[in-house]
């Protein structure tokens, strides 16, 4: 049985990237100096982080007990900053 030989070529060098050129096009947004932009809604991960890095199951228990009220966007649960702050104030008054 005859053996087939394959030609192995050297890998092509990766193109050098110009540090001045962005990797992909990014839309520029004007934000005045000294201002910050806060999201209007937070997802589950962000809400957990803002509540002291609680777990997702803990957040969903709070929702089930009606301690925190999410806003539903399709199947996603989102939270306003005001709702998270309200829950924290409620906990401070109870403790």
PDB file of N, CA and C in Angstrom:
ATOM      1  N   UNK A   1       0.844  -1.186   0.000  1.00  0.00           N
ATOM      2  CA  UNK A   1       0.000   0.000   0.000  1.00  0.00           C
ATOM      3  C   UNK A   1       0.891   1.252   0.000  1.00  0.00           C
ATOM      4  N   UNK A   2       0.618   2.154  -0.871  1.00  0.00           N
ATOM      5  CA  UNK A   2       1.440   3.346  -1.015  1.00  0.00           C
ATOM      6  C   UNK A   2       1.055   4.368   0.039  1.00  0.00           C
ATOM      7  N   UNK A   3       2.045   5.051   0.541  1.00  0.00           N
ATOM      8  CA  UNK A   3       1.795   6.115   1.524  1.00  0.00           C
ATOM      9  C   UNK A   3       1.583   7.434   0.811  1.00  0.00           C
ATOM     10  N   UNK A   4       0.678   8.217   1.327  1.00  0.00           N
ATOM     11  CA  UNK A   4       0.470   9.554   0.776  1.00  0.00           C
ATOM     12  C   UNK A   4       1.242  10.544   1.629  1.00  0.00           C
ATOM     13  N   UNK A   5       1.932  11.419   0.990  1.00  0.00           N
ATOM     14  CA  UNK A   5       2.681  12.443   1.707  1.00  0.00           C
ATOM     15  C   UNK A   5       1.914  13.760   1.629  1.00  0.00           C
ATOM     16  N   UNK A   6       1.875  14.421   2.736  1.00  0.00           N
ATOM     17  CA  UNK A   6       1.205  15.718   2.776  1.00  0.00           C
ATOM     18  C   UNK A   6       2.253  16.800   2.916  1.00  0.00           C
ATOM     19  N   UNK A   7       2.028  17.877   2.254  1.00  0.00           N
ATOM     20  CA  UNK A   7       2.935  19.002   2.358  1.00  0.00           C
ATOM     21  C   UNK A   7       2.516  19.864   3.542  1.00  0.00           C
ATOM     22  N   UNK A   8       3.439  20.152   4.379  1.00  0.00           N
ATOM     23  CA  UNK A   8       3.152  20.992   5.538  1.00  0.00           C
ATOM     24  C   UNK A   8       3.765  22.346   5.276  1.00  0.00           C
ATOM     25  N   UNK A   9       2.932  23.335   5.268  1.00  0.00           N
ATOM     26  CA  UNK A   9       3.452  24.682   5.057  1.00  0.00           C
ATOM     27  C   UNK A   9       3.568  25.375   6.406  1.00  0.00           C
ATOM     28  N   UNK A  10       4.457  26.321   6.444  1.00  0.00           N
ATOM     29  CA  UNK A  10       4.623  27.066   7.686  1.00  0.00           C
ATOM     30  C   UNK A  10       3.390  27.946   7.897  1.00  0.00           C
ATOM     31  N   UNK A  11       2.997  28.111   9.176  1.00  0.00           N
ATOM     32  CA  UNK A  11       1.820  28.957   9.429  1.00  0.00           C
ATOM     33  C   UNK A  11       2.081  30.394   9.005  1.00  0.00           C
ATOM     34  N   UNK A  12       1.017  30.990   8.493  1.00  0.00           N
ATOM     35  CA  UNK A  12       1.140  32.374   8.063  1.00  0.00           C
ATOM     36  C   UNK A  12       1.285  33.270   9.283  1.00  0.00           C
ATOM     37  N   UNK A  13       2.181  34.242   9.206  1.00  0.00           N
ATOM     38  CA  UNK A  13       2.311  35.154  10.360  1.00  0.00           C
ATOM     39  C   UNK A  13       1.045  35.988  10.507  1.00  0.00           C
ATOM     40  N   UNK A  14       0.696  36.255  11.758  1.00  0.00           N
ATOM     41  CA  UNK A  14      -0.496  37.066  12.012  1.00  0.00           C
ATOM     42  C   UNK A  14      -0.208  38.506  11.610  1.00  0.00           C
ATOM     43  N   UNK A  15      -1.203  39.176  11.029  1.00  0.00           N
ATOM     44  CA  UNK A  15      -0.973  40.568  10.625  1.00  0.00           C
ATOM     45  C   UNK A  15      -0.713  41.430  11.854  1.00  0.00           C
ATOM     46  N   UNK A  16       0.196  42.355  11.708  1.00  0.00           N
ATOM     47  CA  UNK A  16       0.494  43.255  12.812  1.00  0.00           C
ATOM     48  C   UNK A  16      -0.633  44.269  12.953  1.00  0.00           C
ATOM     49  N   UNK A  17      -1.026  44.483  14.197  1.00  0.00           N
ATOM     50  CA  UNK A  17      -2.109  45.421  14.454  1.00  0.00           C
ATOM     51  C   UNK A  17      -1.531  46.787  14.753  1.00  0.00           C
ATOM     52  N   UNK A  18      -2.138  47.780  14.156  1.00  0.00           N
ATOM     53  CA  UNK A  18      -1.743  49.155  14.414  1.00  0.00           C
ATOM     54  C   UNK A  18      -2.436  49.597  15.697  1.00  0.00           C
ATOM     55  N   UNK A  19      -1.680  49.971  16.737  1.00  0.00           N
ATOM     56  CA  UNK A  19      -2.324  50.361  18.000  1.00  0.00           C
ATOM     57  C   UNK A  19      -3.225  51.587  17.879  1.00  0.00           C
ATOM     58  N   UNK A  20      -3.047  52.351  16.817  1.00  0.00           N
ATOM     59  CA  UNK A  20      -3.874  53.538  16.620  1.00  0.00           C
ATOM     60  C   UNK A  20      -5.248  53.191  16.065  1.00  0.00           C
ATOM     61  N   UNK A  21      -5.369  52.021  15.397  1.00  0.00           N
ATOM     62  CA  UNK A  21      -6.635  51.636  14.792  1.00  0.00           C
ATOM     63  C   UNK A  21      -7.461  50.818  15.780  1.00  0.00           C
ATOM     64  N   UNK A  22      -8.740  51.141  15.964  1.00  0.00           N
ATOM     65  CA  UNK A  22      -9.579  50.327  16.846  1.00  0.00           C
ATOM     66  C   UNK A  22      -9.856  48.966  16.215  1.00  0.00           C
ATOM     67  N   UNK A  23     -10.066  47.937  17.058  1.00  0.00           N
ATOM     68  CA  UNK A  23     -10.352  46.589  16.572  1.00  0.00           C
ATOM     69  C   UNK A  23     -11.644  46.549  15.779  1.00  0.00           C
ATOM     70  N   UNK A  24     -12.640  47.233  16.231  1.00  0.00           N
ATOM     71  CA  UNK A  24     -13.920  47.257  15.540  1.00  0.00           C
ATOM     72  C   UNK A  24     -14.498  48.656  15.668  1.00  0.00           C
ATOM     73  N   UNK A  25     -15.450  48.937  14.829  1.00  0.00           N
ATOM     74  CA  UNK A  25     -16.036  50.270  14.859  1.00  0.00           C
ATOM     75  C   UNK A  25     -16.863  50.455  16.120  1.00  0.00           C
ATOM     76  N   UNK A  26     -16.659  51.554  16.801  1.00  0.00           N
ATOM     77  CA  UNK A  26     -17.379  51.869  18.024  1.00  0.00           C
ATOM     78  C   UNK A  26     -18.050  53.215  17.830  1.00  0.00           C
ATOM     79  N   UNK A  27     -19.329  53.242  18.149  1.00  0.00           N
ATOM     80  CA  UNK A  27     -20.059  54.504  18.025  1.00  0.00           C
ATOM     81  C   UNK A  27     -19.649  55.415  19.166  1.00  0.00           C
ATOM     82  N   UNK A  28     -19.264  56.635  18.836  1.00  0.00           N
ATOM     83  CA  UNK A  28     -18.857  57.577  19.869  1.00  0.00           C
ATOM     84  C   UNK A  28     -20.092  58.228  20.479  1.00  0.00           C
ATOM     85  N   UNK A  29     -20.058  58.361  21.788  1.00  0.00           N
ATOM     86  CA  UNK A  29     -21.155  58.984  22.508  1.00  0.00           C
ATOM     87  C   UNK A  29     -20.585  60.182  23.254  1.00  0.00           C
ATOM     88  N   UNK A  30     -21.247  61.313  23.149  1.00  0.00           N
ATOM     89  CA  UNK A  30     -20.798  62.518  23.830  1.00  0.00           C
ATOM     90  C   UNK A  30     -21.307  62.515  25.257  1.00  0.00           C
ATOM     91  N   UNK A  31     -20.386  62.572  26.200  1.00  0.00           N
ATOM     92  CA  UNK A  31     -20.734  62.687  27.613  1.00  0.00           C
ATOM     93  C   UNK A  31     -19.926  63.848  28.160  1.00  0.00           C
ATOM     94  N   UNK A  32     -20.608  64.865  28.679  1.00  0.00           N
ATOM     95  CA  UNK A  32     -19.867  66.019  29.211  1.00  0.00           C
ATOM     96  C   UNK A  32     -18.909  65.597  30.330  1.00  0.00           C
ATOM     97  N   UNK A  33     -17.766  66.262  30.390  1.00  0.00           N
ATOM     98  CA  UNK A  33     -16.759  65.963  31.417  1.00  0.00           C
ATOM     99  C   UNK A  33     -17.368  66.186  32.800  1.00  0.00           C
ATOM    100  N   UNK A  34     -17.085  65.286  33.702  1.00  0.00           N
ATOM    101  CA  UNK A  34     -17.566  65.412  35.069  1.00  0.00           C
ATOM    102  C   UNK A  34     -18.929  64.781  35.306  1.00  0.00           C
ATOM    103  N   UNK A  35     -19.515  64.184  34.280  1.00  0.00           N
ATOM    104  CA  UNK A  35     -20.810  63.537  34.455  1.00  0.00           C
ATOM    105  C   UNK A  35     -20.638  62.025  34.379  1.00  0.00           C
ATOM    106  N   UNK A  36     -21.540  61.324  35.005  1.00  0.00           N
ATOM    107  CA  UNK A  36     -21.544  59.865  34.911  1.00  0.00           C
ATOM    108  C   UNK A  36     -22.882  59.425  34.355  1.00  0.00           C
ATOM    109  N   UNK A  37     -22.880  58.312  33.664  1.00  0.00           N
ATOM    110  CA  UNK A  37     -24.104  57.776  33.092  1.00  0.00           C
ATOM    111  C   UNK A  37     -24.436  56.497  33.846  1.00  0.00           C
ATOM    112  N   UNK A  38     -25.589  56.465  34.481  1.00  0.00           N
ATOM    113  CA  UNK A  38     -26.019  55.279  35.209  1.00  0.00           C
ATOM    114  C   UNK A  38     -27.132  54.596  34.421  1.00  0.00           C
ATOM    115  N   UNK A  39     -27.134  53.270  34.421  1.00  0.00           N
ATOM    116  CA  UNK A  39     -28.211  52.573  33.723  1.00  0.00           C
ATOM    117  C   UNK A  39     -29.544  52.805  34.434  1.00  0.00           C
ATOM    118  N   UNK A  40     -30.619  52.757  33.675  1.00  0.00           N
ATOM    119  CA  UNK A  40     -31.955  52.908  34.264  1.00  0.00           C
ATOM    120  C   UNK A  40     -32.412  51.616  34.923  1.00  0.00           C
ATOM    121  N   UNK A  41     -31.955  50.483  34.394  1.00  0.00           N
ATOM    122  CA  UNK A  41     -32.328  49.174  34.929  1.00  0.00           C
ATOM    123  C   UNK A  41     -31.085  48.323  35.110  1.00  0.00           C
ATOM    124  N   UNK A  42     -31.128  47.447  36.109  1.00  0.00           N
ATOM    125  CA  UNK A  42     -30.030  46.530  36.391  1.00  0.00           C
ATOM    126  C   UNK A  42     -30.509  45.095  36.190  1.00  0.00           C
ATOM    127  N   UNK A  43     -29.650  44.239  35.609  1.00  0.00           N
ATOM    128  CA  UNK A  43     -30.017  42.832  35.447  1.00  0.00           C
ATOM    129  C   UNK A  43     -29.780  42.085  36.763  1.00  0.00           C
ATOM    130  N   UNK A  44     -30.046  40.795  36.782  1.00  0.00           N
ATOM    131  CA  UNK A  44     -29.941  39.995  38.002  1.00  0.00           C
ATOM    132  C   UNK A  44     -28.528  40.036  38.567  1.00  0.00           C
ATOM    133  N   UNK A  45     -27.522  39.852  37.709  1.00  0.00           N
ATOM    134  CA  UNK A  45     -26.136  39.869  38.192  1.00  0.00           C
ATOM    135  C   UNK A  45     -25.774  41.208  38.825  1.00  0.00           C
ATOM    136  N   UNK A  46     -26.160  42.295  38.180  1.00  0.00           N
ATOM    137  CA  UNK A  46     -25.861  43.623  38.717  1.00  0.00           C
ATOM    138  C   UNK A  46     -26.596  43.869  40.029  1.00  0.00           C
ATOM    139  N   UNK A  47     -27.848  43.437  40.104  1.00  0.00           N
ATOM    140  CA  UNK A  47     -28.627  43.616  41.335  1.00  0.00           C
ATOM    141  C   UNK A  47     -27.997  42.837  42.481  1.00  0.00           C
ATOM    142  N   UNK A  48     -27.559  41.610  42.203  1.00  0.00           N
ATOM    143  CA  UNK A  48     -26.889  40.807  43.242  1.00  0.00           C
ATOM    144  C   UNK A  48     -25.638  41.521  43.736  1.00  0.00           C
ATOM    145  N   UNK A  49     -24.874  42.073  42.814  1.00  0.00           N
ATOM    146  CA  UNK A  49     -23.660  42.789  43.180  1.00  0.00           C
ATOM    147  C   UNK A  49     -23.984  44.012  44.031  1.00  0.00           C
ATOM    148  N   UNK A  50     -24.983  44.775  43.618  1.00  0.00           N
ATOM    149  CA  UNK A  50     -25.331  45.999  44.328  1.00  0.00           C
ATOM    150  C   UNK A  50     -25.887  45.722  45.722  1.00  0.00           C
ATOM    151  N   UNK A  51     -26.430  44.532  45.926  1.00  0.00           N
ATOM    152  CA  UNK A  51     -26.965  44.167  47.235  1.00  0.00           C
ATOM    153  C   UNK A  51     -25.916  43.434  48.079  1.00  0.00           C
ATOM    154  N   UNK A  52     -24.660  43.676  47.812  1.00  0.00           N
ATOM    155  CA  UNK A  52     -23.603  43.106  48.628  1.00  0.00           C
ATOM    156  C   UNK A  52     -23.151  41.742  48.163  1.00  0.00           C
ATOM    157  N   UNK A  53     -23.230  41.512  46.863  1.00  0.00           N
ATOM    158  CA  UNK A  53     -22.802  40.248  46.262  1.00  0.00           C
ATOM    159  C   UNK A  53     -23.590  39.055  46.809  1.00  0.00           C
ATOM    160  N   UNK A  54     -24.911  39.247  46.951  1.00  0.00           N
ATOM    161  CA  UNK A  54     -25.743  38.120  47.359  1.00  0.00           C
ATOM    162  C   UNK A  54     -25.854  37.141  46.194  1.00  0.00           C
ATOM    163  N   UNK A  55     -26.271  35.909  46.471  1.00  0.00           N
ATOM    164  CA  UNK A  55     -26.389  34.907  45.416  1.00  0.00           C
ATOM    165  C   UNK A  55     -27.678  35.123  44.615  1.00  0.00           C
ATOM    166  N   UNK A  56     -27.720  34.551  43.429  1.00  0.00           N
ATOM    167  CA  UNK A  56     -28.930  34.635  42.612  1.00  0.00           C
ATOM    168  C   UNK A  56     -30.110  33.942  43.296  1.00  0.00           C
ATOM    169  N   UNK A  57     -29.901  32.740  43.886  1.00  0.00           N
ATOM    170  CA  UNK A  57     -31.041  32.123  44.587  1.00  0.00           C
ATOM    171  C   UNK A  57     -31.591  33.003  45.712  1.00  0.00           C
ATOM    172  N   UNK A  58     -30.697  33.719  46.415  1.00  0.00           N
ATOM    173  CA  UNK A  58     -31.146  34.624  47.475  1.00  0.00           C
ATOM    174  C   UNK A  58     -31.994  35.752  46.889  1.00  0.00           C
ATOM    175  N   UNK A  59     -31.565  36.312  45.760  1.00  0.00           N
ATOM    176  CA  UNK A  59     -32.340  37.374  45.118  1.00  0.00           C
ATOM    177  C   UNK A  59     -33.715  36.853  44.701  1.00  0.00           C
ATOM    178  N   UNK A  60     -33.766  35.651  44.136  1.00  0.00           N
ATOM    179  CA  UNK A  60     -35.049  35.098  43.706  1.00  0.00           C
ATOM    180  C   UNK A  60     -35.948  34.759  44.898  1.00  0.00           C
ATOM    181  N   UNK A  61     -35.357  34.409  46.048  1.00  0.00           N
ATOM    182  CA  UNK A  61     -36.163  34.209  47.266  1.00  0.00           C
ATOM    183  C   UNK A  61     -36.792  35.530  47.705  1.00  0.00           C
ATOM    184  N   UNK A  62     -36.014  36.621  47.610  1.00  0.00           N
ATOM    185  CA  UNK A  62     -36.542  37.940  47.973  1.00  0.00           C
ATOM    186  C   UNK A  62     -37.682  38.345  47.039  1.00  0.00           C
ATOM    187  N   UNK A  63     -37.568  37.981  45.765  1.00  0.00           N
ATOM    188  CA  UNK A  63     -38.633  38.275  44.807  1.00  0.00           C
ATOM    189  C   UNK A  63     -39.874  37.457  45.153  1.00  0.00           C
ATOM    190  N   UNK A  64     -39.692  36.158  45.448  1.00  0.00           N
ATOM    191  CA  UNK A  64     -40.814  35.280  45.781  1.00  0.00           C
ATOM    192  C   UNK A  64     -41.533  35.758  47.036  1.00  0.00           C
ATOM    193  N   UNK A  65     -40.761  36.250  48.025  1.00  0.00           N
ATOM    194  CA  UNK A  65     -41.348  36.763  49.271  1.00  0.00           C
ATOM    195  C   UNK A  65     -41.886  38.181  49.123  1.00  0.00           C
ATOM    196  N   UNK A  66     -41.790  38.713  47.891  1.00  0.00           N
ATOM    197  CA  UNK A  66     -42.268  40.064  47.565  1.00  0.00           C
ATOM    198  C   UNK A  66     -41.552  41.153  48.360  1.00  0.00           C
ATOM    199  N   UNK A  67     -40.284  40.909  48.679  1.00  0.00           N
ATOM    200  CA  UNK A  67     -39.456  41.922  49.349  1.00  0.00           C
ATOM    201  C   UNK A  67     -38.866  42.885  48.315  1.00  0.00           C
ATOM    202  N   UNK A  68     -38.610  42.372  47.098  1.00  0.00           N
ATOM    203  CA  UNK A  68     -38.096  43.174  45.987  1.00  0.00           C
ATOM    204  C   UNK A  68     -38.986  42.898  44.783  1.00  0.00           C
ATOM    205  N   UNK A  69     -39.370  43.967  44.091  1.00  0.00           N
ATOM    206  CA  UNK A  69     -40.241  43.818  42.921  1.00  0.00           C
ATOM    207  C   UNK A  69     -39.452  44.094  41.647  1.00  0.00           C
ATOM    208  N   UNK A  70     -39.302  43.085  40.791  1.00  0.00           N
ATOM    209  CA  UNK A  70     -38.595  43.310  39.531  1.00  0.00           C
ATOM    210  C   UNK A  70     -39.521  43.893  38.472  1.00  0.00           C
ATOM    211  N   UNK A  71     -38.920  44.401  37.429  1.00  0.00           N
ATOM    212  CA  UNK A  71     -39.646  44.805  36.227  1.00  0.00           C
ATOM    213  C   UNK A  71     -39.354  43.722  35.201  1.00  0.00           C
ATOM    214  N   UNK A  72     -40.382  43.165  34.597  1.00  0.00           N
ATOM    215  CA  UNK A  72     -40.185  42.103  33.614  1.00  0.00           C
ATOM    216  C   UNK A  72     -40.086  42.710  32.216  1.00  0.00           C
ATOM    217  N   UNK A  73     -39.023  42.374  31.518  1.00  0.00           N
ATOM    218  CA  UNK A  73     -38.843  42.735  30.112  1.00  0.00           C
ATOM    219  C   UNK A  73     -38.751  41.422  29.361  1.00  0.00           C
ATOM    220  N   UNK A  74     -39.870  40.996  28.811  1.00  0.00           N
ATOM    221  CA  UNK A  74     -39.911  39.663  28.211  1.00  0.00           C
ATOM    222  C   UNK A  74     -39.757  38.646  29.330  1.00  0.00           C
ATOM    223  N   UNK A  75     -38.743  37.804  29.243  1.00  0.00           N
ATOM    224  CA  UNK A  75     -38.501  36.823  30.297  1.00  0.00           C
ATOM    225  C   UNK A  75     -37.453  37.306  31.292  1.00  0.00           C
ATOM    226  N   UNK A  76     -36.881  38.475  31.059  1.00  0.00           N
ATOM    227  CA  UNK A  76     -35.820  38.982  31.929  1.00  0.00           C
ATOM    228  C   UNK A  76     -36.388  39.746  33.111  1.00  0.00           C
ATOM    229  N   UNK A  77     -35.775  39.548  34.265  1.00  0.00           N
ATOM    230  CA  UNK A  77     -36.104  40.314  35.468  1.00  0.00           C
ATOM    231  C   UNK A  77     -35.082  41.437  35.579  1.00  0.00           C
ATOM    232  N   UNK A  78     -35.568  42.660  35.629  1.00  0.00           N
ATOM    233  CA  UNK A  78     -34.704  43.828  35.750  1.00  0.00           C
ATOM    234  C   UNK A  78     -35.119  44.603  36.995  1.00  0.00           C
ATOM    235  N   UNK A  79     -34.194  45.419  37.511  1.00  0.00           N
ATOM    236  CA  UNK A  79     -34.438  46.124  38.759  1.00  0.00           C
ATOM    237  C   UNK A  79     -34.027  47.576  38.623  1.00  0.00           C
ATOM    238  N   UNK A  80     -34.838  48.462  39.203  1.00  0.00           N
ATOM    239  CA  UNK A  80     -34.468  49.868  39.218  1.00  0.00           C
ATOM    240  C   UNK A  80     -33.567  50.117  40.422  1.00  0.00           C
ATOM    241  N   UNK A  81     -32.750  51.137  40.309  1.00  0.00           N
ATOM    242  CA  UNK A  81     -31.896  51.516  41.432  1.00  0.00           C
ATOM    243  C   UNK A  81     -32.760  51.928  42.624  1.00  0.00           C
ATOM    244  N   UNK A  82     -33.867  52.608  42.341  1.00  0.00           N
ATOM    245  CA  UNK A  82     -34.761  53.054  43.415  1.00  0.00           C
ATOM    246  C   UNK A  82     -35.332  51.854  44.188  1.00  0.00           C
ATOM    247  N   UNK A  83     -35.671  50.771  43.492  1.00  0.00           N
ATOM    248  CA  UNK A  83     -36.223  49.586  44.153  1.00  0.00           C
ATOM    249  C   UNK A  83     -35.169  48.921  45.035  1.00  0.00           C
ATOM    250  N   UNK A  84     -33.953  48.838  44.556  1.00  0.00           N
ATOM    251  CA  UNK A  84     -32.878  48.242  45.356  1.00  0.00           C
ATOM    252  C   UNK A  84     -32.581  49.102  46.589  1.00  0.00           C
ATOM    253  N   UNK A  85     -32.569  50.425  46.405  1.00  0.00           N
ATOM    254  CA  UNK A  85     -32.339  51.331  47.533  1.00  0.00           C
ATOM    255  C   UNK A  85     -33.487  51.263  48.534  1.00  0.00           C
ATOM    256  N   UNK A  86     -34.730  51.122  48.043  1.00  0.00           N
ATOM    257  CA  UNK A  86     -35.889  50.998  48.937  1.00  0.00           C
ATOM    258  C   UNK A  86     -35.748  49.760  49.817  1.00  0.00           C
ATOM    259  N   UNK A  87     -35.339  48.646  49.217  1.00  0.00           N
ATOM    260  CA  UNK A  87     -35.171  47.409  49.977  1.00  0.00           C
ATOM    261  C   UNK A  87     -34.080  47.571  51.045  1.00  0.00           C
ATOM    262  N   UNK A  88     -32.992  48.232  50.702  1.00  0.00           N
ATOM    263  CA  UNK A  88     -31.906  48.444  51.672  1.00  0.00           C
ATOM    264  C   UNK A  88     -32.386  49.317  52.830  1.00  0.00           C
ATOM    265  N   UNK A  89     -33.128  50.393  52.526  1.00  0.00           N
ATOM    266  CA  UNK A  89     -33.675  51.248  53.600  1.00  0.00           C
ATOM    267  C   UNK A  89     -34.605  50.450  54.504  1.00  0.00           C
ATOM    268  N   UNK A  90     -35.441  49.592  53.905  1.00  0.00           N
ATOM    269  CA  UNK A  90     -36.362  48.757  54.658  1.00  0.00           C
ATOM    270  C   UNK A  90     -35.593  47.825  55.606  1.00  0.00           C
ATOM    271  N   UNK A  91     -34.502  47.270  55.124  1.00  0.00           N
ATOM    272  CA  UNK A  91     -33.678  46.384  55.957  1.00  0.00           C
ATOM    273  C   UNK A  91     -33.023  47.164  57.104  1.00  0.00           C
ATOM    274  N   UNK A  92     -32.589  48.395  56.828  1.00  0.00           N
ATOM    275  CA  UNK A  92     -31.966  49.215  57.871  1.00  0.00           C
ATOM    276  C   UNK A  92     -32.961  49.554  58.970  1.00  0.00           C
ATOM    277  N   UNK A  93     -34.199  49.869  58.587  1.00  0.00           N
ATOM    278  CA  UNK A  93     -35.218  50.219  59.573  1.00  0.00           C
ATOM    279  C   UNK A  93     -35.633  49.011  60.406  1.00  0.00           C
ATOM    280  N   UNK A  94     -35.632  47.837  59.797  1.00  0.00           N
ATOM    281  CA  UNK A  94     -36.024  46.616  60.508  1.00  0.00           C
ATOM    282  C   UNK A  94     -34.913  46.142  61.441  1.00  0.00           C
ATOM    283  N   UNK A  95     -33.661  46.452  61.109  1.00  0.00           N
ATOM    284  CA  UNK A  95     -32.520  45.933  61.891  1.00  0.00           C
ATOM    285  C   UNK A  95     -32.098  46.880  62.912  1.00  0.00           C
TER     286      UNK A  95
END
